[in-house]
Amino acid sequence: MANMAQAIRLALHYAHKNYQLNDVFGQDVGAPLGGVFTATQGVECAWNTPLDERGIIGMAMGIAMAGQRCVAEIQFADYIFNTIDLLKIAGNTNWASYGQYPMPLVVMTPVGAGIRGSMYHSHSFESWASRMAGWKIVIPSDALDAYGLLLSSILDPNPVLFMPPKALMRVKGESLIPGEPDNEKDLKNMIDAPLGDRTEWFAKWPDVQEYLVPIGKAKVVIPGNQLTMVTWGRYVQICKQVAEKLKSELGYQVELIDLRSIYPYDWQAIKASVQKTKRILFINEDTEVTNFAEHLCYRVTQELFYDLWARPQVVAAKNIPGIGLHPNLEDATVPHVDEIYQAAKAIIQEVP
């Protein structure tokens, strides 16, 4: 099975050949590196820019306003903050021009902790991004969703922020991408560049096919009837561990929802699940103050108050300026299995 970085690579190749995607660019995105996570390695239309985040976003806006599709990478989400004003303009251009100037650009930037990246390589960005009206925002949790969400993002006439979790870039998927070789070693030999001299190396792309994951559509990862857990990105895998532990140790049936899209988000999936389970817990690794899950929690309270048997809750990262380098500091900052387990258990055991 392809890992997430390979899946992104395959999607970019497919879009280049089939969607007229002619520009994939950013710091170290082109040859020879192919991105710090190798997510653009071998992509024919990938090229390198200076280390200039504002220049990268400005270039993407110009290409999009000229009617062309492009994917611009900010190497880590930690370095996207100095482009906020440009992102705001990109978000309102299609709306302000009454559709005369679509903005079919994708900004790809890896997010989150889990790689022991310390203060400058561990930020989440979805809560900030959720305030940028006009943008669509997606976060994949596995390789197949990364492939399908990226293709949908490239086809969208609006600007889309595609944020693969840093910690999942090397994690293999559980399902084959359509057209992917059955043997992962074959895929590696075809599209992974060798170490050392790469001047004569070119990717041999498999005949991958179109696979689209609709933006704004959540996925029920595990069905259940006693508690709804809503999360996204790398916490889907972590919450699966929690749900399995709750089932094996206490017999609790937890419904786990992968939101996949921060905006537009699948409110109907959340609503239907809460009306079934009567309890809900939101989990993510962005900081706890003005966290996007707080908005979801507020909406649940406002619209589904009389369906609830327990107060809705949010488990998020501590509100501190950064994440320390030592593993103990990171583990104490972002949610971990036991913290989520204890919160879930308490909600289920709360007497209505």
Protein backbone atom coordinates (compact mmCIF):
# COMPACT_ATOMS: atom_id res chain seq x y z
CA MET A 1 0.00 0.00 0.00
CA ALA A 2 1.16 3.54 -0.73
CA ASN A 3 2.03 5.76 2.19
CA MET A 4 0.55 9.25 2.38
CA ALA A 5 3.53 10.97 0.74
CA GLN A 6 3.38 8.53 -2.18
CA ALA A 7 -0.40 8.99 -2.45
CA ILE A 8 0.03 12.76 -2.72
CA ARG A 9 2.68 12.23 -5.38
CA LEU A 10 0.36 9.95 -7.37
CA ALA A 11 -2.48 12.49 -7.13
CA LEU A 12 -0.27 15.31 -8.39
CA HIS A 13 0.90 13.16 -11.29
CA TYR A 14 -2.69 12.22 -12.17
CA ALA A 15 -3.82 15.86 -12.02
CA HIS A 16 -0.91 16.94 -14.21
CA LYS A 17 -1.89 14.42 -16.87
CA ASN A 18 -5.67 14.81 -16.63
CA TYR A 19 -6.62 18.16 -15.01
CA GLN A 20 -4.17 20.53 -16.72
CA LEU A 21 -2.24 21.02 -13.50
CA ASN A 22 0.99 22.58 -14.78
CA ASP A 23 2.52 24.18 -11.70
CA VAL A 24 3.44 22.52 -8.41
CA PHE A 25 5.91 24.71 -6.55
CA GLY A 26 7.45 25.68 -3.24
CA GLN A 27 10.68 25.45 -1.33
CA ASP A 28 12.61 22.29 -2.37
CA VAL A 29 9.48 20.96 -4.12
CA GLY A 30 11.22 20.25 -7.43
CA ALA A 31 14.27 18.14 -8.23
CA PRO A 32 16.36 16.79 -6.68
CA LEU A 33 14.63 16.65 -3.27
CA GLY A 34 10.96 16.56 -4.23
CA GLY A 35 9.79 18.14 -1.00
CA VAL A 36 10.97 17.69 2.56
CA PHE A 37 8.56 14.72 2.89
CA THR A 38 9.23 13.62 -0.76
CA ALA A 39 5.54 14.26 -1.53
CA THR A 40 6.40 15.89 -4.90
CA GLN A 41 9.31 13.65 -5.88
CA GLY A 42 9.35 12.90 -9.59
CA VAL A 43 6.33 15.09 -10.39
CA GLU A 44 7.05 16.51 -13.85
CA CYS A 45 5.58 19.97 -13.25
CA ALA A 46 7.17 20.56 -9.84
CA TRP A 47 9.64 23.41 -9.49
CA ASN A 48 11.59 25.16 -6.74
CA THR A 49 11.03 28.64 -5.38
CA PRO A 50 13.09 30.82 -3.06
CA LEU A 51 12.41 30.53 0.66
CA ASP A 52 9.63 33.12 0.54
CA GLU A 53 6.18 32.10 1.78
CA ARG A 54 4.55 35.37 0.72
CA GLY A 55 6.08 35.03 -2.72
CA ILE A 56 4.78 31.46 -3.01
CA ILE A 57 1.22 32.46 -2.09
CA GLY A 58 1.32 35.55 -4.30
CA MET A 59 2.53 33.47 -7.25
CA ALA A 60 -0.26 30.95 -6.67
CA MET A 61 -2.87 33.72 -6.63
CA GLY A 62 -1.54 35.15 -9.89
CA ILE A 63 -1.58 31.78 -11.65
CA ALA A 64 -5.12 31.10 -10.41
CA MET A 65 -6.40 34.54 -11.44
CA ALA A 66 -5.00 33.88 -14.91
CA GLY A 67 -7.28 30.83 -15.09
CA GLN A 68 -4.76 28.07 -14.41
CA ARG A 69 -4.73 25.44 -11.70
CA CYS A 70 -1.76 25.19 -9.36
CA VAL A 71 -0.60 23.58 -6.12
CA ALA A 72 1.67 25.70 -3.92
CA GLU A 73 3.43 24.17 -0.94
CA ILE A 74 4.35 25.90 2.29
CA GLN A 75 6.93 23.46 3.60
CA PHE A 76 5.51 23.41 7.14
CA ALA A 77 2.29 25.03 8.39
CA ASP A 78 4.42 26.65 11.08
CA TYR A 79 5.65 29.11 8.42
CA ILE A 80 2.31 30.05 6.85
CA PHE A 81 1.39 32.68 9.45
CA ASN A 82 3.12 35.54 7.64
CA THR A 83 0.81 35.02 4.64
CA ILE A 84 -2.52 35.46 6.46
CA ASP A 85 -3.39 38.75 4.73
CA LEU A 86 -2.79 37.20 1.29
CA LEU A 87 -4.80 34.12 2.21
CA LYS A 88 -7.69 36.39 3.21
CA ILE A 89 -7.60 38.11 -0.19
CA ALA A 90 -7.43 34.76 -1.98
CA GLY A 91 -10.46 33.64 -0.01
CA ASN A 92 -12.68 36.57 -0.95
CA THR A 93 -11.69 37.05 -4.63
CA ASN A 94 -14.11 34.54 -6.17
CA TRP A 95 -16.96 35.87 -4.02
CA ALA A 96 -16.11 39.55 -4.46
CA SER A 97 -15.89 39.22 -8.25
CA TYR A 98 -19.24 37.38 -8.44
CA GLY A 99 -17.45 34.39 -9.88
CA GLN A 100 -15.65 36.29 -12.63
CA TYR A 101 -12.29 35.46 -11.06
CA PRO A 102 -12.33 31.91 -9.72
CA MET A 103 -9.41 31.03 -7.48
CA PRO A 104 -8.58 27.38 -8.35
CA LEU A 105 -5.46 27.14 -6.23
CA VAL A 106 -4.45 24.57 -3.65
CA VAL A 107 -2.11 25.42 -0.80
CA MET A 108 -0.56 22.24 0.56
CA THR A 109 1.10 22.46 3.95
CA PRO A 110 1.87 19.66 6.44
CA VAL A 111 0.46 20.22 9.92
CA GLY A 112 0.60 19.03 13.49
CA ALA A 113 2.91 17.39 15.98
CA GLY A 114 4.00 13.78 16.32
CA ILE A 115 7.41 14.10 14.65
CA ARG A 116 9.24 15.59 17.65
CA GLY A 117 9.62 18.82 15.70
CA SER A 118 9.77 21.17 18.70
CA MET A 119 8.50 24.75 18.59
CA TYR A 120 8.94 25.47 14.89
CA HIS A 121 7.70 22.24 13.29
CA SER A 122 4.74 21.15 15.43
CA HIS A 123 1.98 23.71 14.86
CA SER A 124 -1.57 22.93 13.86
CA PHE A 125 -3.36 25.44 11.66
CA GLU A 126 -6.97 24.32 11.19
CA SER A 127 -8.43 26.62 13.86
CA TRP A 128 -6.75 29.65 12.29
CA ALA A 129 -7.76 28.49 8.82
CA SER A 130 -11.40 28.01 9.80
CA ARG A 131 -11.68 31.81 10.19
CA MET A 132 -10.62 32.48 6.58
CA ALA A 133 -13.93 32.84 4.79
CA GLY A 134 -13.90 31.62 1.19
CA TRP A 135 -11.42 28.80 1.77
CA LYS A 136 -12.17 25.11 1.82
CA ILE A 137 -10.04 23.19 4.31
CA VAL A 138 -9.31 19.47 4.25
CA ILE A 139 -7.18 17.16 6.40
CA PRO A 140 -6.69 13.52 5.32
CA SER A 141 -6.19 10.72 7.82
CA ASP A 142 -4.95 8.00 5.45
CA ALA A 143 -3.30 7.58 2.07
CA LEU A 144 -6.44 6.87 0.03
CA ASP A 145 -8.24 9.90 1.45
CA ALA A 146 -5.14 12.02 0.77
CA TYR A 147 -5.29 10.95 -2.89
CA GLY A 148 -9.05 11.53 -3.22
CA LEU A 149 -9.18 14.79 -1.28
CA LEU A 150 -6.25 16.27 -3.18
CA LEU A 151 -7.84 15.51 -6.55
CA SER A 152 -11.12 17.08 -5.38
CA SER A 153 -9.19 20.10 -4.11
CA ILE A 154 -7.43 20.61 -7.43
CA LEU A 155 -10.74 20.49 -9.33
CA ASP A 156 -12.47 22.98 -7.03
CA PRO A 157 -12.87 26.57 -8.33
CA ASN A 158 -12.31 27.91 -4.81
CA PRO A 159 -9.02 28.09 -2.91
CA VAL A 160 -8.44 24.92 -0.90
CA LEU A 161 -6.06 24.39 1.99
CA PHE A 162 -4.85 20.78 1.90
CA MET A 163 -3.15 19.88 5.18
CA PRO A 164 -1.66 16.38 5.45
CA PRO A 165 -0.50 15.52 8.97
CA LYS A 166 3.28 15.44 9.26
CA ALA A 167 3.18 12.33 11.43
CA LEU A 168 1.23 10.35 8.79
CA MET A 169 3.41 11.06 5.76
CA ARG A 170 5.25 7.73 6.09
CA VAL A 171 2.22 5.72 7.25
CA LYS A 172 0.98 3.15 4.75
CA GLY A 173 -2.67 3.09 3.77
CA GLU A 174 -5.08 0.23 4.32
CA SER A 175 -6.64 0.34 0.83
CA LEU A 176 -5.09 0.45 -2.62
CA ILE A 177 -5.36 3.60 -4.67
CA PRO A 178 -7.12 2.67 -7.96
CA GLY A 179 -4.36 1.59 -10.36
CA GLU A 180 -1.70 1.26 -7.67
CA PRO A 181 0.45 -1.91 -7.92
CA ASP A 182 -0.50 -4.64 -5.45
CA ASN A 183 3.12 -5.00 -4.34
CA GLU A 184 4.38 -1.97 -2.41
CA LYS A 185 7.96 -2.77 -3.42
CA ASP A 186 6.95 -2.40 -7.06
CA LEU A 187 5.48 1.02 -6.30
CA LYS A 188 8.63 2.05 -4.44
CA ASN A 189 10.83 1.00 -7.36
CA MET A 190 8.62 2.96 -9.75
CA ILE A 191 8.22 6.30 -7.98
CA ASP A 192 10.75 6.56 -5.12
CA ALA A 193 14.00 8.21 -6.17
CA PRO A 194 17.23 6.37 -5.30
CA LEU A 195 19.71 7.73 -2.79
CA GLY A 196 22.67 9.60 -4.23
CA ASP A 197 22.83 10.88 -7.80
CA ARG A 198 19.35 11.45 -9.26
CA THR A 199 20.28 13.28 -12.43
CA GLU A 200 19.30 10.34 -14.65
CA TRP A 201 16.30 9.20 -12.59
CA PHE A 202 12.70 9.61 -13.71
CA ALA A 203 9.58 8.19 -12.10
CA LYS A 204 7.77 5.34 -13.88
CA TRP A 205 4.20 6.18 -12.99
CA PRO A 206 1.56 3.48 -12.56
CA ASP A 207 -1.73 3.93 -14.40
CA VAL A 208 -3.64 5.37 -11.45
CA GLN A 209 -7.29 6.26 -11.92
CA GLU A 210 -9.58 9.04 -10.78
CA TYR A 211 -10.83 8.68 -7.22
CA LEU A 212 -12.57 11.65 -5.64
CA VAL A 213 -13.42 12.17 -1.97
CA PRO A 214 -16.10 14.89 -1.79
CA ILE A 215 -15.05 17.95 0.16
CA GLY A 216 -17.40 18.38 3.11
CA LYS A 217 -18.24 14.69 3.55
CA ALA A 218 -17.26 12.98 6.81
CA LYS A 219 -16.57 9.26 7.21
CA VAL A 220 -17.84 6.93 9.92
CA VAL A 221 -14.70 4.98 10.79
CA ILE A 222 -16.27 2.85 13.54
CA PRO A 223 -20.05 2.60 14.13
CA GLY A 224 -21.35 2.72 17.69
CA ASN A 225 -24.28 3.80 19.84
CA GLN A 226 -22.97 5.00 23.22
CA LEU A 227 -20.67 7.92 22.37
CA THR A 228 -19.77 9.95 19.30
CA MET A 229 -16.09 10.84 18.92
CA VAL A 230 -15.33 13.39 16.19
CA THR A 231 -11.77 14.04 15.09
CA TRP A 232 -9.56 14.50 12.03
CA GLY A 233 -6.02 14.03 10.74
CA ARG A 234 -3.63 11.89 12.76
CA TYR A 235 -6.03 11.70 15.68
CA VAL A 236 -8.28 9.37 13.71
CA GLN A 237 -5.70 6.62 14.23
CA ILE A 238 -5.22 7.54 17.88
CA CYS A 239 -8.97 7.61 18.55
CA LYS A 240 -9.33 4.20 16.90
CA GLN A 241 -7.02 2.88 19.61
CA VAL A 242 -9.20 4.54 22.25
CA ALA A 243 -12.42 3.15 20.80
CA GLU A 244 -10.96 -0.36 20.62
CA LYS A 245 -9.70 -0.09 24.20
CA LEU A 246 -13.10 1.08 25.46
CA LYS A 247 -14.76 -1.84 23.71
CA SER A 248 -12.31 -4.50 24.87
CA GLU A 249 -12.03 -3.30 28.49
CA LEU A 250 -15.50 -1.93 29.23
CA GLY A 251 -17.71 -3.15 26.38
CA TYR A 252 -18.55 0.41 25.27
CA GLN A 253 -19.63 0.97 21.66
CA VAL A 254 -18.11 4.21 20.39
CA GLU A 255 -18.93 5.78 17.04
CA LEU A 256 -15.82 7.37 15.53
CA ILE A 257 -16.24 10.03 12.84
CA ASP A 258 -13.39 11.33 10.69
CA LEU A 259 -14.50 14.86 9.79
CA ARG A 260 -12.02 15.04 6.84
CA SER A 261 -13.16 18.58 5.95
CA ILE A 262 -12.87 21.43 8.43
CA TYR A 263 -14.84 23.64 6.05
CA PRO A 264 -17.34 22.95 4.74
CA TYR A 265 -17.93 20.37 7.47
CA ASP A 266 -20.47 17.56 7.55
CA TRP A 267 -22.95 18.78 10.14
CA GLN A 268 -25.52 16.19 9.15
CA ALA A 269 -23.12 13.35 10.00
CA ILE A 270 -22.48 14.87 13.44
CA LYS A 271 -26.17 15.51 14.03
CA ALA A 272 -27.28 12.02 13.05
CA SER A 273 -24.64 10.45 15.28
CA VAL A 274 -25.47 12.60 18.32
CA GLN A 275 -29.17 11.84 17.96
CA LYS A 276 -28.22 8.16 18.11
CA THR A 277 -25.56 8.14 20.85
CA LYS A 278 -26.72 11.15 22.94
CA ARG A 279 -23.10 11.97 23.83
CA ILE A 280 -20.21 13.59 21.96
CA LEU A 281 -16.48 14.21 22.39
CA PHE A 282 -14.33 16.25 20.00
CA ILE A 283 -10.58 15.56 19.81
CA ASN A 284 -7.80 17.44 18.01
CA GLU A 285 -4.28 18.75 18.61
CA ASP A 286 -4.78 22.46 17.96
CA THR A 287 -4.57 24.64 21.07
CA GLU A 288 -7.60 24.61 23.36
CA VAL A 289 -8.43 28.34 23.31
CA THR A 290 -10.54 29.32 20.27
CA ASN A 291 -10.21 25.78 19.00
CA PHE A 292 -12.31 24.86 15.94
CA ALA A 293 -13.91 22.05 17.94
CA GLU A 294 -15.28 24.72 20.27
CA HIS A 295 -17.43 25.95 17.40
CA LEU A 296 -18.68 22.41 16.77
CA CYS A 297 -19.33 21.94 20.48
CA TYR A 298 -21.25 25.23 20.60
CA ARG A 299 -23.39 24.23 17.62
CA VAL A 300 -24.17 20.86 19.19
CA THR A 301 -25.27 22.64 22.36
CA GLN A 302 -27.39 25.16 20.48
CA GLU A 303 -29.11 22.78 18.05
CA LEU A 304 -29.06 19.40 19.80
CA PHE A 305 -29.27 20.35 23.49
CA TYR A 306 -32.41 18.32 24.15
CA ASP A 307 -30.93 15.24 22.47
CA LEU A 308 -27.93 15.18 24.82
CA TRP A 309 -27.57 12.96 27.90
CA ALA A 310 -24.19 14.46 28.88
CA ARG A 311 -22.40 17.73 28.29
CA PRO A 312 -20.37 17.81 25.03
CA GLN A 313 -16.64 18.10 25.56
CA VAL A 314 -13.41 18.97 23.72
CA VAL A 315 -9.98 17.41 24.22
CA ALA A 316 -7.31 19.61 22.64
CA ALA A 317 -3.70 20.70 23.06
CA LYS A 318 -2.67 22.88 25.99
CA ASN A 319 -2.71 26.61 25.35
CA ILE A 320 1.03 27.23 25.47
CA PRO A 321 3.27 29.12 23.01
CA GLY A 322 4.88 26.02 21.53
CA ILE A 323 5.80 22.37 21.92
CA GLY A 324 9.10 21.41 23.51
CA LEU A 325 11.64 19.18 21.80
CA HIS A 326 11.81 16.49 24.49
CA PRO A 327 9.24 13.70 23.90
CA ASN A 328 7.86 14.17 27.41
CA LEU A 329 7.10 17.83 26.67
CA GLU A 330 5.29 17.01 23.43
CA ASP A 331 3.33 14.18 25.06
CA ALA A 332 2.27 16.50 27.88
CA THR A 333 1.09 19.15 25.42
CA VAL A 334 -1.04 17.35 22.83
CA PRO A 335 -3.80 14.83 23.64
CA HIS A 336 -2.72 11.23 24.20
CA VAL A 337 -4.53 7.89 24.35
CA ASP A 338 -5.09 7.79 28.10
CA GLU A 339 -6.34 11.38 28.27
CA ILE A 340 -8.88 10.71 25.51
CA TYR A 341 -9.81 7.36 27.08
CA GLN A 342 -10.54 8.93 30.45
CA ALA A 343 -12.61 11.75 28.92
CA ALA A 344 -14.64 9.30 26.80
CA LYS A 345 -15.25 6.97 29.74
CA ALA A 346 -16.42 9.85 31.96
CA ILE A 347 -18.91 11.04 29.34
CA ILE A 348 -20.37 7.57 28.84
CA GLN A 349 -20.67 7.04 32.58
CA GLU A 350 -22.26 10.43 33.23
CA VAL A 351 -25.84 9.86 34.43
CA PRO A 352 -28.44 11.90 32.47
